[in-house]
Amino acid sequence: MKRIFDGLGRCATVEISAAIGDVLAYLNRQLSLRRSDFIDEDIQEKIRDAVPKAAGGSFAFAVSHTDTITNQPSREKVEEALLKLGKWIEGP
């Protein structure tokens, strides 16, 4: 899409991204609502670290990643999802 506007030469573009504070506020709220025995403080910190990085400024991605991680049925699956998220952050 950006290429189309760049080709016109007269269109201004504005980069829009979610503020990190908004993403963290969302994460904190979701983590407080989704209390479980296996999402302890250690896992919560990992989630707070990984999700904003993987979201890349997209609030929609932050929501999607948070849902994917917090809906896992066990600690092992949460950690597995975090590892996959980490690989997604690093890229191919």
C-alpha atoms as a PDB file:
ATOM      1  CA  MET A   1       0.000   0.000   0.000  1.00  0.00           C
ATOM      2  CA  LYS A   2       2.822   2.386   0.875  1.00  0.00           C
ATOM      3  CA  ARG A   3       4.294   1.837  -2.587  1.00  0.00           C
ATOM      4  CA  ILE A   4       1.057   3.047  -4.203  1.00  0.00           C
ATOM      5  CA  PHE A   5       1.094   6.296  -2.241  1.00  0.00           C
ATOM      6  CA  ASP A   6       4.833   6.817  -2.769  1.00  0.00           C
ATOM      7  CA  GLY A   7       4.263   6.492  -6.504  1.00  0.00           C
ATOM      8  CA  LEU A   8       1.774   9.352  -6.477  1.00  0.00           C
ATOM      9  CA  GLY A   9       4.406  11.703  -5.095  1.00  0.00           C
ATOM     10  CA  ARG A  10       1.982  14.053  -3.416  1.00  0.00           C
ATOM     11  CA  CYS A  11       0.568  11.963  -0.568  1.00  0.00           C
ATOM     12  CA  ALA A  12       1.778  12.321   2.971  1.00  0.00           C
ATOM     13  CA  THR A  13       1.987   9.221   5.114  1.00  0.00           C
ATOM     14  CA  VAL A  14       1.764   8.887   8.857  1.00  0.00           C
ATOM     15  CA  GLU A  15       3.066   5.916  10.809  1.00  0.00           C
ATOM     16  CA  ILE A  16       0.633   4.809  13.483  1.00  0.00           C
ATOM     17  CA  SER A  17       1.581   2.423  16.261  1.00  0.00           C
ATOM     18  CA  ALA A  18       0.306   1.418  19.666  1.00  0.00           C
ATOM     19  CA  ALA A  19       2.015   3.084  22.611  1.00  0.00           C
ATOM     20  CA  ILE A  20       3.971   0.602  24.724  1.00  0.00           C
ATOM     21  CA  GLY A  21       2.157   1.869  27.824  1.00  0.00           C
ATOM     22  CA  ASP A  22      -1.199   0.998  26.272  1.00  0.00           C
ATOM     23  CA  VAL A  23      -0.011  -2.493  25.335  1.00  0.00           C
ATOM     24  CA  LEU A  24       1.350  -3.084  28.846  1.00  0.00           C
ATOM     25  CA  ALA A  25      -1.862  -1.782  30.439  1.00  0.00           C
ATOM     26  CA  TYR A  26      -3.837  -4.223  28.292  1.00  0.00           C
ATOM     27  CA  LEU A  27      -1.475  -7.075  29.186  1.00  0.00           C
ATOM     28  CA  ASN A  28      -1.641  -6.329  32.899  1.00  0.00           C
ATOM     29  CA  ARG A  29      -5.431  -6.250  32.821  1.00  0.00           C
ATOM     30  CA  GLN A  30      -5.683  -9.491  30.868  1.00  0.00           C
ATOM     31  CA  LEU A  31      -3.208 -11.235  33.148  1.00  0.00           C
ATOM     32  CA  SER A  32      -5.148 -10.119  36.224  1.00  0.00           C
ATOM     33  CA  LEU A  33      -8.400 -11.432  34.722  1.00  0.00           C
ATOM     34  CA  ARG A  34      -6.924 -14.752  33.616  1.00  0.00           C
ATOM     35  CA  ARG A  35      -5.422 -15.927  36.857  1.00  0.00           C
ATOM     36  CA  SER A  36      -4.304 -19.544  36.818  1.00  0.00           C
ATOM     37  CA  ASP A  37      -2.063 -21.804  38.834  1.00  0.00           C
ATOM     38  CA  PHE A  38       0.557 -22.010  36.110  1.00  0.00           C
ATOM     39  CA  ILE A  39       0.684 -18.380  34.918  1.00  0.00           C
ATOM     40  CA  ASP A  40       2.771 -17.227  37.851  1.00  0.00           C
ATOM     41  CA  GLU A  41       4.755 -13.981  38.181  1.00  0.00           C
ATOM     42  CA  ASP A  42       7.720 -15.470  36.279  1.00  0.00           C
ATOM     43  CA  ILE A  43       5.548 -16.369  33.274  1.00  0.00           C
ATOM     44  CA  GLN A  44       3.755 -13.013  33.476  1.00  0.00           C
ATOM     45  CA  GLU A  45       7.089 -11.196  33.216  1.00  0.00           C
ATOM     46  CA  LYS A  46       8.014 -13.276  30.181  1.00  0.00           C
ATOM     47  CA  ILE A  47       4.669 -12.410  28.597  1.00  0.00           C
ATOM     48  CA  ARG A  48       5.125  -8.685  29.376  1.00  0.00           C
ATOM     49  CA  ASP A  49       8.552  -8.834  27.745  1.00  0.00           C
ATOM     50  CA  ALA A  50       7.683 -10.889  24.655  1.00  0.00           C
ATOM     51  CA  VAL A  51       4.265  -9.631  23.568  1.00  0.00           C
ATOM     52  CA  PRO A  52       5.113  -5.931  23.005  1.00  0.00           C
ATOM     53  CA  LYS A  53       8.212  -6.916  21.025  1.00  0.00           C
ATOM     54  CA  ALA A  54       6.302  -9.380  18.874  1.00  0.00           C
ATOM     55  CA  ALA A  55       3.400  -6.963  18.369  1.00  0.00           C
ATOM     56  CA  GLY A  56       5.685  -4.517  16.595  1.00  0.00           C
ATOM     57  CA  GLY A  57       3.503  -1.530  17.412  1.00  0.00           C
ATOM     58  CA  SER A  58       0.252  -3.252  16.444  1.00  0.00           C
ATOM     59  CA  PHE A  59      -2.339  -3.365  19.212  1.00  0.00           C
ATOM     60  CA  ALA A  60      -4.249  -6.041  17.255  1.00  0.00           C
ATOM     61  CA  PHE A  61      -1.158  -8.272  17.249  1.00  0.00           C
ATOM     62  CA  ALA A  62      -0.720  -7.668  20.991  1.00  0.00           C
ATOM     63  CA  VAL A  63      -4.297  -8.823  21.596  1.00  0.00           C
ATOM     64  CA  SER A  64      -3.864 -11.866  19.360  1.00  0.00           C
ATOM     65  CA  HIS A  65      -0.554 -12.900  20.941  1.00  0.00           C
ATOM     66  CA  THR A  66      -1.946 -12.400  24.458  1.00  0.00           C
ATOM     67  CA  ASP A  67      -4.998 -14.537  23.698  1.00  0.00           C
ATOM     68  CA  THR A  68      -2.879 -17.267  22.136  1.00  0.00           C
ATOM     69  CA  ILE A  69      -0.529 -17.425  25.110  1.00  0.00           C
ATOM     70  CA  THR A  70      -3.012 -17.075  27.953  1.00  0.00           C
ATOM     71  CA  ASN A  71      -5.452 -19.627  26.514  1.00  0.00           C
ATOM     72  CA  GLN A  72      -2.909 -22.439  26.673  1.00  0.00           C
ATOM     73  CA  PRO A  73      -3.966 -25.389  28.869  1.00  0.00           C
ATOM     74  CA  SER A  74      -0.713 -25.824  30.796  1.00  0.00           C
ATOM     75  CA  ARG A  75       2.506 -24.084  31.854  1.00  0.00           C
ATOM     76  CA  GLU A  76       4.437 -26.177  29.344  1.00  0.00           C
ATOM     77  CA  LYS A  77       2.173 -25.022  26.508  1.00  0.00           C
ATOM     78  CA  VAL A  78       2.469 -21.384  27.646  1.00  0.00           C
ATOM     79  CA  GLU A  79       6.261 -21.663  27.606  1.00  0.00           C
ATOM     80  CA  GLU A  80       6.117 -23.355  24.203  1.00  0.00           C
ATOM     81  CA  ALA A  81       3.940 -20.517  22.857  1.00  0.00           C
ATOM     82  CA  LEU A  82       6.408 -17.967  24.261  1.00  0.00           C
ATOM     83  CA  LEU A  83       9.284 -19.764  22.531  1.00  0.00           C
ATOM     84  CA  LYS A  84       7.402 -19.694  19.235  1.00  0.00           C
ATOM     85  CA  LEU A  85       6.684 -16.019  19.771  1.00  0.00           C
ATOM     86  CA  GLY A  86      10.399 -15.440  20.378  1.00  0.00           C
ATOM     87  CA  LYS A  87      11.252 -17.152  17.108  1.00  0.00           C
ATOM     88  CA  TRP A  88       8.652 -14.994  15.362  1.00  0.00           C
ATOM     89  CA  ILE A  89      10.342 -11.884  16.803  1.00  0.00           C
ATOM     90  CA  GLU A  90      13.767 -13.013  15.560  1.00  0.00           C
ATOM     91  CA  GLY A  91      12.483 -13.871  12.101  1.00  0.00           C
ATOM     92  CA  PRO A  92      13.762 -16.536   9.697  1.00  0.00           C
END
